[in-house]
């Protein structure tokens, strides 16, 4: 058999033995014994409209997309994920010498996240501060809204990554 044929057979074997192709495998670093998660609507200390709702929705979608856990109502969930937006901060960099307006800005989002096993009462994750930031160029047409969506998407990925089992 040629090298090419062996490569195809090896690849097929990995696909068959590796899992169902739904984004995770049996060997993925998720906590065993947990099947369902309820994500409480995130709270907020900020006065930005719908920021906490957008983050809650992004975390729910990321759990559905990247983990073996199913979302469930609180009454039927194994675990409870809660969070709070602590702060949204913006910084301006590199002012334009003529207009004195910033050429570049940065948005930073800080959240608190907790994940608790409702069956045992054990705290699975207690992250007092989790940060993510994104730069944007208002002069190039990049909007604050787009940047906020980008930070929320990245932060939701980090929150779900924090739900992995400790190695």
Protein backbone atom coordinates (compact mmCIF):
# COMPACT_ATOMS: atom_id res chain seq x y z
CA UNK A 1 0.00 0.00 0.00
CA UNK A 2 1.30 3.46 -0.81
CA UNK A 3 2.12 6.14 1.73
CA UNK A 4 -0.89 8.10 0.52
CA UNK A 5 -3.20 5.14 1.18
CA UNK A 6 -1.78 4.65 4.67
CA UNK A 7 -2.28 8.35 5.38
CA UNK A 8 -5.94 8.14 4.34
CA UNK A 9 -6.55 5.01 6.47
CA UNK A 10 -4.81 6.61 9.45
CA UNK A 11 -6.86 9.78 9.12
CA UNK A 12 -10.11 7.83 8.88
CA UNK A 13 -9.15 5.78 11.94
CA UNK A 14 -8.55 8.96 13.92
CA UNK A 15 -11.90 10.36 12.85
CA UNK A 16 -13.76 7.17 13.79
CA UNK A 17 -11.94 6.69 17.08
CA UNK A 18 -11.72 10.39 17.88
CA UNK A 19 -15.38 11.15 18.46
CA UNK A 20 -18.60 12.17 16.86
CA UNK A 21 -17.32 15.37 15.28
CA UNK A 22 -19.49 17.67 17.40
CA UNK A 23 -16.67 19.83 18.71
CA UNK A 24 -15.51 17.72 21.62
CA UNK A 25 -14.47 14.16 22.34
CA UNK A 26 -14.64 11.76 25.25
CA UNK A 27 -11.10 12.77 26.12
CA UNK A 28 -11.88 16.48 26.27
CA UNK A 29 -11.00 18.20 29.53
CA UNK A 30 -14.56 18.68 30.78
CA UNK A 31 -15.76 17.64 34.22
CA UNK A 32 -17.30 14.20 34.29
CA UNK A 33 -20.68 13.67 35.90
CA UNK A 34 -22.03 17.04 34.81
CA UNK A 35 -24.62 17.05 32.08
CA UNK A 36 -26.55 20.30 32.47
CA UNK A 37 -25.81 23.96 33.21
CA UNK A 38 -28.14 26.81 34.01
CA UNK A 39 -26.72 30.22 33.11
CA UNK A 40 -28.26 32.94 35.27
CA UNK A 41 -28.65 36.30 33.53
CA UNK A 42 -25.47 38.23 34.25
CA UNK A 43 -25.74 41.22 36.55
CA UNK A 44 -24.04 44.54 35.92
CA UNK A 45 -22.58 47.44 37.83
CA UNK A 46 -22.38 49.38 34.58
CA UNK A 47 -25.06 51.54 33.03
CA UNK A 48 -24.58 50.31 29.47
CA UNK A 49 -27.77 49.10 27.91
CA UNK A 50 -28.03 45.32 27.32
CA UNK A 51 -24.34 44.61 27.90
CA UNK A 52 -25.07 41.93 30.50
CA UNK A 53 -27.80 40.41 28.29
CA UNK A 54 -25.39 40.17 25.36
CA UNK A 55 -22.75 38.52 27.55
CA UNK A 56 -25.28 36.03 28.98
CA UNK A 57 -26.42 35.06 25.49
CA UNK A 58 -22.84 34.73 24.22
CA UNK A 59 -21.89 32.44 27.14
CA UNK A 60 -24.97 30.27 26.56
CA UNK A 61 -24.16 29.92 22.86
CA UNK A 62 -20.52 29.12 23.62
CA UNK A 63 -21.53 26.41 26.12
CA UNK A 64 -23.82 24.87 23.51
CA UNK A 65 -21.17 25.09 20.80
CA UNK A 66 -18.00 24.09 22.64
CA UNK A 67 -18.96 21.79 25.53
CA UNK A 68 -20.83 18.54 26.10
CA UNK A 69 -23.10 20.32 28.61
CA UNK A 70 -26.74 21.08 27.84
CA UNK A 71 -28.47 24.25 28.98
CA UNK A 72 -31.32 23.58 31.40
CA UNK A 73 -33.75 25.42 33.67
CA UNK A 74 -32.38 26.02 37.15
CA UNK A 75 -34.77 23.46 38.68
CA UNK A 76 -33.32 20.65 36.52
CA UNK A 77 -29.69 21.77 36.18
CA UNK A 78 -26.68 20.01 37.70
CA UNK A 79 -24.75 23.26 37.90
CA UNK A 80 -25.33 27.02 38.01
CA UNK A 81 -23.15 29.60 36.25
CA UNK A 82 -23.49 33.19 37.48
CA UNK A 83 -21.67 36.34 36.55
CA UNK A 84 -21.57 40.08 36.88
CA UNK A 85 -20.14 42.80 34.68
CA UNK A 86 -17.90 44.77 37.02
CA UNK A 87 -16.58 47.47 34.74
CA UNK A 88 -16.28 48.67 31.18
CA UNK A 89 -13.35 50.96 30.63
CA UNK A 90 -12.22 52.83 27.57
CA UNK A 91 -8.80 54.30 26.92
CA UNK A 92 -7.68 56.58 24.11
CA UNK A 93 -4.24 56.40 22.50
CA UNK A 94 -2.24 58.23 19.85
CA UNK A 95 -4.04 61.55 19.44
CA UNK A 96 -4.12 63.05 15.97
CA UNK A 97 -1.93 66.18 16.08
CA UNK A 98 -4.39 68.24 14.01
CA UNK A 99 -7.76 67.26 15.45
CA UNK A 100 -6.52 66.11 18.87
CA UNK A 101 -8.98 63.21 18.59
CA UNK A 102 -7.64 59.75 19.43
CA UNK A 103 -6.59 57.61 16.48
CA UNK A 104 -6.85 54.42 18.51
CA UNK A 105 -9.03 53.38 21.43
CA UNK A 106 -9.25 50.34 23.64
CA UNK A 107 -12.26 48.81 25.39
CA UNK A 108 -11.70 46.63 28.46
CA UNK A 109 -14.42 44.52 30.06
CA UNK A 110 -14.09 43.10 33.59
CA UNK A 111 -16.44 40.40 34.91
CA UNK A 112 -16.83 38.12 37.92
CA UNK A 113 -17.84 34.49 37.28
CA UNK A 114 -18.89 31.64 39.56
CA UNK A 115 -19.88 28.07 38.70
CA UNK A 116 -21.49 25.94 41.38
CA UNK A 117 -22.55 22.31 41.51
CA UNK A 118 -26.18 22.48 42.68
CA UNK A 119 -26.18 18.81 43.78
CA UNK A 120 -23.25 19.09 46.20
CA UNK A 121 -22.97 22.82 46.81
CA UNK A 122 -19.31 22.68 45.74
CA UNK A 123 -17.91 25.75 44.01
CA UNK A 124 -16.39 24.56 40.72
CA UNK A 125 -15.12 27.95 39.59
CA UNK A 126 -14.74 31.24 41.42
CA UNK A 127 -13.09 33.86 39.24
CA UNK A 128 -13.30 37.24 41.02
CA UNK A 129 -11.98 39.19 38.02
CA UNK A 130 -11.71 38.12 34.39
CA UNK A 131 -10.57 40.72 31.87
CA UNK A 132 -10.54 41.03 28.11
CA UNK A 133 -9.78 43.99 25.89
CA UNK A 134 -9.89 44.99 22.24
CA UNK A 135 -8.38 47.89 20.34
CA UNK A 136 -10.24 49.78 17.64
CA UNK A 137 -9.66 52.64 15.22
CA UNK A 138 -12.59 55.08 15.13
CA UNK A 139 -10.97 57.02 12.27
CA UNK A 140 -10.95 53.85 10.14
CA UNK A 141 -14.66 53.30 10.71
CA UNK A 142 -14.43 50.73 13.51
CA UNK A 143 -17.31 51.36 15.87
CA UNK A 144 -17.55 51.06 19.63
CA UNK A 145 -20.50 48.69 19.20
CA UNK A 146 -18.48 46.30 17.01
CA UNK A 147 -15.61 46.39 19.51
CA UNK A 148 -17.99 45.66 22.38
CA UNK A 149 -19.33 42.63 20.50
CA UNK A 150 -15.77 41.44 19.86
CA UNK A 151 -14.82 41.76 23.55
CA UNK A 152 -18.02 39.94 24.61
CA UNK A 153 -17.33 37.08 22.17
CA UNK A 154 -13.75 36.65 23.39
CA UNK A 155 -14.75 36.91 27.04
CA UNK A 156 -17.50 34.28 26.59
CA UNK A 157 -14.88 31.93 25.13
CA UNK A 158 -12.60 32.54 28.13
CA UNK A 159 -15.46 31.91 30.56
CA UNK A 160 -16.24 28.56 28.94
CA UNK A 161 -12.55 27.66 28.86
CA UNK A 162 -12.46 28.28 32.61
CA UNK A 163 -15.15 25.58 32.93
CA UNK A 164 -12.66 22.93 31.78
CA UNK A 165 -11.64 20.42 34.39
CA UNK A 166 -8.35 21.17 36.09
CA UNK A 167 -5.62 19.08 34.53
